[in-house]
C-alpha atoms as a PDB file:
ATOM      1  CA  MET A   1       0.000   0.000   0.000  1.00  0.00           C
ATOM      2  CA  ARG A   2       1.228   3.479  -0.812  1.00  0.00           C
ATOM      3  CA  ILE A   3       0.733   6.357   1.633  1.00  0.00           C
ATOM      4  CA  ILE A   4       1.196   9.957   0.510  1.00  0.00           C
ATOM      5  CA  TYR A   5       1.391  12.556   3.267  1.00  0.00           C
ATOM      6  CA  ASN A   6       2.363  16.132   4.019  1.00  0.00           C
ATOM      7  CA  ASN A   7       2.321  18.717   6.784  1.00  0.00           C
ATOM      8  CA  ILE A   8      -0.244  21.434   6.013  1.00  0.00           C
ATOM      9  CA  VAL A   9       2.351  24.135   6.751  1.00  0.00           C
ATOM     10  CA  ASP A  10       4.846  22.549   4.355  1.00  0.00           C
ATOM     11  CA  SER A  11       4.432  22.334   0.583  1.00  0.00           C
ATOM     12  CA  ARG A  12       6.570  19.184   0.352  1.00  0.00           C
ATOM     13  CA  ARG A  13       4.830  15.848  -0.046  1.00  0.00           C
ATOM     14  CA  TYR A  14       6.218  12.496   1.055  1.00  0.00           C
ATOM     15  CA  MET A  15       5.441   9.050  -0.297  1.00  0.00           C
ATOM     16  CA  ALA A  16       5.999   5.682   1.371  1.00  0.00           C
ATOM     17  CA  ASP A  17       5.327   2.163   0.123  1.00  0.00           C
ATOM     18  CA  VAL A  18       4.499   0.077   3.185  1.00  0.00           C
ATOM     19  CA  THR A  19       4.100  -3.689   3.488  1.00  0.00           C
ATOM     20  CA  GLY A  20       2.789  -6.081   6.097  1.00  0.00           C
ATOM     21  CA  ASP A  21      -0.572  -6.712   7.729  1.00  0.00           C
ATOM     22  CA  ARG A  22      -0.159  -4.077  10.458  1.00  0.00           C
ATOM     23  CA  ILE A  23       0.907  -0.489   9.794  1.00  0.00           C
ATOM     24  CA  ARG A  24       1.533   1.976  12.637  1.00  0.00           C
ATOM     25  CA  ILE A  25       1.467   5.736  12.099  1.00  0.00           C
ATOM     26  CA  GLY A  26       2.448   8.340  14.682  1.00  0.00           C
ATOM     27  CA  ARG A  27       5.157  10.547  16.193  1.00  0.00           C
ATOM     28  CA  ARG A  28       7.308   7.771  17.677  1.00  0.00           C
ATOM     29  CA  ALA A  29      10.417   6.906  15.659  1.00  0.00           C
ATOM     30  CA  ASP A  30       9.648   3.163  15.429  1.00  0.00           C
ATOM     31  CA  ASN A  31       6.350   3.669  13.582  1.00  0.00           C
ATOM     32  CA  ASP A  32       6.063   2.624   9.938  1.00  0.00           C
ATOM     33  CA  ILE A  33       5.130   6.214   9.055  1.00  0.00           C
ATOM     34  CA  VAL A  34       6.620   8.881  11.337  1.00  0.00           C
ATOM     35  CA  LEU A  35       4.731  12.175  11.642  1.00  0.00           C
ATOM     36  CA  ASN A  36       7.164  14.545  13.301  1.00  0.00           C
ATOM     37  CA  SER A  37       4.980  16.966  15.249  1.00  0.00           C
ATOM     38  CA  PRO A  38       4.261  17.470  18.976  1.00  0.00           C
ATOM     39  CA  TYR A  39       0.548  17.588  18.099  1.00  0.00           C
ATOM     40  CA  VAL A  40       0.590  13.992  16.855  1.00  0.00           C
ATOM     41  CA  ALA A  41       0.234  11.088  19.304  1.00  0.00           C
ATOM     42  CA  GLU A  42       3.144   8.675  19.671  1.00  0.00           C
ATOM     43  CA  GLU A  43       0.928   6.083  17.979  1.00  0.00           C
ATOM     44  CA  ALA A  44      -1.941   7.912  16.291  1.00  0.00           C
ATOM     45  CA  ILE A  45      -3.498   5.178  14.156  1.00  0.00           C
ATOM     46  CA  VAL A  46      -2.995   1.513  13.323  1.00  0.00           C
ATOM     47  CA  LEU A  47      -4.062  -0.066  10.049  1.00  0.00           C
ATOM     48  CA  HIS A  48      -4.847  -3.792  10.070  1.00  0.00           C
ATOM     49  CA  ARG A  49      -5.168  -5.792   6.869  1.00  0.00           C
ATOM     50  CA  ARG A  50      -8.403  -7.761   6.759  1.00  0.00           C
ATOM     51  CA  GLN A  51      -9.613 -10.318   4.243  1.00  0.00           C
ATOM     52  CA  HIS A  52     -11.096  -7.736   1.875  1.00  0.00           C
ATOM     53  CA  GLY A  53      -9.475  -4.464   2.907  1.00  0.00           C
ATOM     54  CA  TRP A  54      -8.093  -2.472   5.828  1.00  0.00           C
ATOM     55  CA  GLU A  55      -9.413  -1.568   9.263  1.00  0.00           C
ATOM     56  CA  LEU A  56      -8.291   1.721  10.818  1.00  0.00           C
ATOM     57  CA  ILE A  57      -8.084   2.078  14.610  1.00  0.00           C
ATOM     58  CA  ALA A  58      -7.657   5.530  16.210  1.00  0.00           C
ATOM     59  CA  CYS A  59      -5.192   5.267  19.110  1.00  0.00           C
ATOM     60  CA  GLY A  60      -4.425   8.836  20.216  1.00  0.00           C
ATOM     61  CA  LEU A  61      -6.343  11.118  22.559  1.00  0.00           C
ATOM     62  CA  GLU A  62      -6.889  13.747  19.868  1.00  0.00           C
ATOM     63  CA  SER A  63      -9.608  13.234  17.272  1.00  0.00           C
ATOM     64  CA  LEU A  64      -8.792  12.647  13.619  1.00  0.00           C
ATOM     65  CA  GLN A  65     -10.797  12.728  10.417  1.00  0.00           C
ATOM     66  CA  VAL A  66     -11.201   9.986   7.829  1.00  0.00           C
ATOM     67  CA  GLY A  67     -12.980  11.308   4.771  1.00  0.00           C
ATOM     68  CA  GLU A  68     -16.014  13.105   6.224  1.00  0.00           C
ATOM     69  CA  ARG A  69     -16.013  11.178   9.522  1.00  0.00           C
ATOM     70  CA  GLU A  70     -14.441  12.145  12.816  1.00  0.00           C
ATOM     71  CA  LEU A  71     -12.862   9.410  14.912  1.00  0.00           C
ATOM     72  CA  HIS A  72     -11.829   9.480  18.567  1.00  0.00           C
ATOM     73  CA  GLY A  73      -9.428   7.255  20.485  1.00  0.00           C
ATOM     74  CA  GLY A  74     -10.474   3.603  20.462  1.00  0.00           C
ATOM     75  CA  GLU A  75     -12.893   3.982  17.552  1.00  0.00           C
ATOM     76  CA  ARG A  76     -12.398   2.093  14.314  1.00  0.00           C
ATOM     77  CA  MET A  77     -13.745   2.036  10.800  1.00  0.00           C
ATOM     78  CA  LEU A  78     -13.445   0.113   7.570  1.00  0.00           C
ATOM     79  CA  ILE A  79     -11.313   1.569   4.792  1.00  0.00           C
ATOM     80  CA  THR A  80     -12.909   0.839   1.436  1.00  0.00           C
ATOM     81  CA  ALA A  81     -10.736   2.512  -1.201  1.00  0.00           C
ATOM     82  CA  ASP A  82      -8.402   5.499  -1.590  1.00  0.00           C
ATOM     83  CA  GLU A  83      -9.082   7.580   1.509  1.00  0.00           C
ATOM     84  CA  GLN A  84      -7.826  10.838   3.001  1.00  0.00           C
ATOM     85  CA  ILE A  85      -6.919  10.946   6.695  1.00  0.00           C
ATOM     86  CA  LYS A  86      -6.356  14.162   8.629  1.00  0.00           C
ATOM     87  CA  ILE A  87      -4.161  13.950  11.727  1.00  0.00           C
ATOM     88  CA  PHE A  88      -3.402  17.558  12.605  1.00  0.00           C
ATOM     89  CA  PRO A  89      -1.222  19.010  11.207  1.00  0.00           C
ATOM     90  CA  PHE A  90      -0.792  16.210   8.641  1.00  0.00           C
ATOM     91  CA  VAL A  91      -2.923  15.024   5.737  1.00  0.00           C
ATOM     92  CA  LEU A  92      -2.428  11.448   4.531  1.00  0.00           C
ATOM     93  CA  THR A  93      -3.835   9.752   1.447  1.00  0.00           C
ATOM     94  CA  LEU A  94      -4.081   5.973   1.309  1.00  0.00           C
ATOM     95  CA  ASP A  95      -3.518   4.599  -2.174  1.00  0.00           C
ATOM     96  CA  LEU A  96      -4.740   1.009  -2.040  1.00  0.00           C
ATOM     97  CA  PRO A  97      -3.781  -1.594  -4.656  1.00  0.00           C
ATOM     98  CA  ASN A  98      -6.514  -2.513  -7.120  1.00  0.00           C
ATOM     99  CA  GLN A  99      -6.836  -6.016  -5.693  1.00  0.00           C
ATOM    100  CA  VAL A 100      -8.205  -4.688  -2.400  1.00  0.00           C
ATOM    101  CA  GLN A 101     -10.702  -2.250  -3.908  1.00  0.00           C
ATOM    102  CA  GLN A 102     -13.882  -3.563  -2.377  1.00  0.00           C
ATOM    103  CA  SER A 103     -16.954  -4.800  -4.129  1.00  0.00           C
ATOM    104  CA  LYS A 104     -20.308  -4.271  -2.429  1.00  0.00           C
ATOM    105  CA  GLN A 105     -20.414  -7.924  -1.460  1.00  0.00           C
ATOM    106  CA  ALA A 106     -16.961  -7.795   0.145  1.00  0.00           C
ATOM    107  CA  HIS A 107     -17.852  -4.606   1.994  1.00  0.00           C
ATOM    108  CA  ARG A 108     -21.037  -6.200   3.349  1.00  0.00           C
ATOM    109  CA  GLN A 109     -18.971  -9.157   4.525  1.00  0.00           C
ATOM    110  CA  LEU A 110     -16.644  -6.844   6.433  1.00  0.00           C
ATOM    111  CA  LEU A 111     -19.639  -5.155   8.045  1.00  0.00           C
ATOM    112  CA  ASP A 112     -21.046  -8.575   9.000  1.00  0.00           C
ATOM    113  CA  GLU A 113     -17.743  -9.439  10.672  1.00  0.00           C
ATOM    114  CA  GLU A 114     -17.826  -6.133  12.545  1.00  0.00           C
ATOM    115  CA  ILE A 115     -21.414  -6.814  13.695  1.00  0.00           C
ATOM    116  CA  ASN A 116     -20.348 -10.217  15.038  1.00  0.00           C
ATOM    117  CA  ARG A 117     -17.546  -8.564  16.980  1.00  0.00           C
ATOM    118  CA  TRP A 118     -19.924  -5.975  18.482  1.00  0.00           C
ATOM    119  CA  VAL A 119     -22.549  -8.592  19.369  1.00  0.00           C
ATOM    120  CA  GLY A 120     -19.955 -10.682  21.189  1.00  0.00           C
ATOM    121  CA  GLN A 121     -18.620  -7.635  23.006  1.00  0.00           C
ATOM    122  CA  LEU A 122     -22.097  -6.485  24.079  1.00  0.00           C
ATOM    123  CA  HIS A 123     -23.041 -10.008  25.147  1.00  0.00           C
ATOM    124  CA  VAL A 124     -20.042 -10.266  27.472  1.00  0.00           C
ATOM    125  CA  ALA A 125     -20.804  -6.834  28.978  1.00  0.00           C
ATOM    126  CA  LEU A 126     -24.491  -7.723  29.338  1.00  0.00           C
ATOM    127  CA  LEU A 127     -23.741 -10.916  31.270  1.00  0.00           C
ATOM    128  CA  LYS A 128     -21.895  -8.812  33.847  1.00  0.00           C
ATOM    129  CA  ARG A 129     -24.859  -6.471  34.300  1.00  0.00           C
ATOM    130  CA  VAL A 130     -28.046  -8.497  33.941  1.00  0.00           C
ATOM    131  CA  GLU A 131     -29.226 -11.911  35.114  1.00  0.00           C
ATOM    132  CA  ILE A 132     -30.260 -13.755  31.962  1.00  0.00           C
ATOM    133  CA  ARG A 133     -33.582 -15.554  32.301  1.00  0.00           C
ATOM    134  CA  ALA A 134     -34.633 -18.397  30.026  1.00  0.00           C
ATOM    135  CA  GLU A 135     -38.135 -19.228  31.271  1.00  0.00           C
ATOM    136  CA  SER A 136     -40.898 -17.297  29.485  1.00  0.00           C
ATOM    137  CA  SER A 137     -42.753 -16.874  32.792  1.00  0.00           C
ATOM    138  CA  GLU A 138     -39.799 -14.865  34.134  1.00  0.00           C
ATOM    139  CA  LEU A 139     -39.765 -12.423  31.200  1.00  0.00           C
ATOM    140  CA  THR A 140     -41.920  -9.740  32.811  1.00  0.00           C
ATOM    141  CA  ASP A 141     -42.458  -6.314  31.255  1.00  0.00           C
ATOM    142  CA  GLU A 142     -40.210  -4.778  33.926  1.00  0.00           C
ATOM    143  CA  TYR A 143     -37.401  -7.244  33.207  1.00  0.00           C
ATOM    144  CA  LEU A 144     -37.605  -6.707  29.437  1.00  0.00           C
ATOM    145  CA  LEU A 145     -37.665  -2.912  29.871  1.00  0.00           C
ATOM    146  CA  ASN A 146     -34.577  -3.049  32.085  1.00  0.00           C
ATOM    147  CA  LEU A 147     -32.848  -5.319  29.558  1.00  0.00           C
ATOM    148  CA  GLU A 148     -33.617  -2.888  26.744  1.00  0.00           C
ATOM    149  CA  ARG A 149     -32.322   0.103  28.737  1.00  0.00           C
ATOM    150  CA  THR A 150     -29.131  -1.753  29.661  1.00  0.00           C
ATOM    151  CA  LEU A 151     -28.463  -2.660  26.024  1.00  0.00           C
ATOM    152  CA  GLU A 152     -28.988   0.961  24.995  1.00  0.00           C
ATOM    153  CA  GLU A 153     -26.597   2.176  27.689  1.00  0.00           C
ATOM    154  CA  LEU A 154     -23.928  -0.382  26.761  1.00  0.00           C
ATOM    155  CA  SER A 155     -24.254   0.562  23.086  1.00  0.00           C
ATOM    156  CA  ARG A 156     -23.574   4.200  23.941  1.00  0.00           C
ATOM    157  CA  THR A 157     -20.699   3.620  26.368  1.00  0.00           C
ATOM    158  CA  GLN A 158     -18.910   1.213  24.012  1.00  0.00           C
ATOM    159  CA  GLY A 159     -19.122   3.570  21.039  1.00  0.00           C
ATOM    160  CA  LEU A 160     -21.711   1.826  18.894  1.00  0.00           C
ATOM    161  CA  MET A 161     -23.841   4.994  18.771  1.00  0.00           C
ATOM    162  CA  SER A 162     -20.956   7.252  17.690  1.00  0.00           C
ATOM    163  CA  GLN A 163     -21.137   9.067  14.353  1.00  0.00           C
ATOM    164  CA  SER A 164     -18.235   7.030  12.986  1.00  0.00           C
ATOM    165  CA  ASN A 165     -20.327   3.848  13.319  1.00  0.00           C
ATOM    166  CA  HIS A 166     -23.352   5.214  11.453  1.00  0.00           C
ATOM    167  CA  GLN A 167     -22.767   2.877   8.495  1.00  0.00           C
ATOM    168  CA  LEU A 168     -22.409  -0.106  10.825  1.00  0.00           C
ATOM    169  CA  ARG A 169     -25.697   0.734  12.615  1.00  0.00           C
ATOM    170  CA  THR A 170     -27.489   1.104   9.282  1.00  0.00           C
ATOM    171  CA  HIS A 171     -26.197  -2.283   8.135  1.00  0.00           C
ATOM    172  CA  MET A 172     -27.150  -3.833  11.477  1.00  0.00           C
ATOM    173  CA  ALA A 173     -30.713  -2.460  11.231  1.00  0.00           C
ATOM    174  CA  GLY A 174     -31.020  -3.725   7.658  1.00  0.00           C
ATOM    175  CA  SER A 175     -29.796  -7.185   8.703  1.00  0.00           C
ATOM    176  CA  ALA A 176     -32.336  -7.298  11.549  1.00  0.00           C
ATOM    177  CA  ILE A 177     -35.205  -6.331   9.215  1.00  0.00           C
ATOM    178  CA  ARG A 178     -34.091  -8.885   6.623  1.00  0.00           C
ATOM    179  CA  SER A 179     -33.849 -11.599   9.289  1.00  0.00           C
ATOM    180  CA  GLU A 180     -37.333 -10.807  10.604  1.00  0.00           C
ATOM    181  CA  PHE A 181     -38.781 -10.772   7.079  1.00  0.00           C
ATOM    182  CA  LEU A 182     -37.226 -14.163   6.221  1.00  0.00           C
ATOM    183  CA  SER A 183     -38.380 -15.618   9.545  1.00  0.00           C
ATOM    184  CA  ARG A 184     -41.977 -14.584   8.889  1.00  0.00           C
ATOM    185  CA  LEU A 185     -41.768 -15.811   5.297  1.00  0.00           C
ATOM    186  CA  VAL A 186     -40.581 -19.252   6.455  1.00  0.00           C
ATOM    187  CA  GLU A 187     -43.282 -19.329   9.133  1.00  0.00           C
ATOM    188  CA  GLN A 188     -46.026 -18.477   6.636  1.00  0.00           C
ATOM    189  CA  SER A 189     -44.666 -21.044   4.154  1.00  0.00           C
ATOM    190  CA  ALA A 190     -44.719 -23.714   6.885  1.00  0.00           C
ATOM    191  CA  GLU A 191     -48.319 -22.834   7.771  1.00  0.00           C
ATOM    192  CA  ALA A 192     -49.337 -23.016   4.108  1.00  0.00           C
ATOM    193  CA  ALA A 193     -47.600 -26.373   3.670  1.00  0.00           C
ATOM    194  CA  SER A 194     -49.266 -27.707   6.823  1.00  0.00           C
ATOM    195  CA  SER A 195     -52.650 -26.599   5.548  1.00  0.00           C
ATOM    196  CA  LEU A 196     -51.997 -28.272   2.185  1.00  0.00           C
ATOM    197  CA  ILE A 197     -50.940 -31.524   3.863  1.00  0.00           C
ATOM    198  CA  GLY A 198     -54.099 -31.419   5.957  1.00  0.00           C
ATOM    199  CA  ARG A 199     -56.229 -31.122   2.835  1.00  0.00           C
ATOM    200  CA  GLU A 200     -54.394 -34.022   1.179  1.00  0.00           C
ATOM    201  CA  ARG A 201     -55.013 -36.222   4.205  1.00  0.00           C
ATOM    202  CA  HIS A 202     -58.669 -35.233   4.179  1.00  0.00           C
ATOM    203  CA  TRP A 203     -58.945 -36.239   0.492  1.00  0.00           C
ATOM    204  CA  SER A 204     -57.180 -39.515   1.277  1.00  0.00           C
ATOM    205  CA  ARG A 205     -59.742 -40.309   3.951  1.00  0.00           C
ATOM    206  CA  MET A 206     -62.524 -39.560   1.454  1.00  0.00           C
ATOM    207  CA  GLN A 207     -60.964 -42.026  -1.013  1.00  0.00           C
ATOM    208  CA  THR A 208     -60.885 -44.716   1.681  1.00  0.00           C
ATOM    209  CA  ALA A 209     -64.499 -44.090   2.684  1.00  0.00           C
ATOM    210  CA  ILE A 210     -65.737 -43.958  -0.949  1.00  0.00           C
ATOM    211  CA  PRO A 211     -63.499 -46.239  -3.085  1.00  0.00           C
ATOM    212  CA  ASN A 212     -65.186 -45.242  -6.360  1.00  0.00           C
ATOM    213  CA  LEU A 213     -63.872 -41.630  -6.113  1.00  0.00           C
END
């Protein structure tokens, strides 16, 4: 991957061809890309190669901007194609090879993987906060309301509701709607098949009772 970068107060531009599955960018001298400025964190961002692209993780205390999105420390996002990153006072442009330019299907797969990670993370946090009940008789309105409020709180505190995860939330909502639609479709198909089988059995009984039919 090629990274082109420059300091906004300097007209010179620098270019670096980096390799590997993990790329560190920051002020510290042992980073893959060194941004020499006291305003830049020692390790500002880390790029991880995934199956169909790159995942960016913000590491510093100061916010940074990726395209039109603002990221804070600990937040992450999927890098789809050539992208501009602003880490004051630097501007970096990621020039990705053609083979990692993402198709819609590959991008959806990355979002699915991210959803699985969030679900696992929320599940672990939820187990520490709420007693999980399995019996339907124990699922009172008060219990379900408390469960819903706890999930909402955990989603906020763990960053799921941040602006940088808007695309992930949209994909998650779409997946939930699709799952519910398919579930109802299967249920209705099963009911229709059951009704058809019932009619066939009824006709069979008529044949037995009246052999000449």
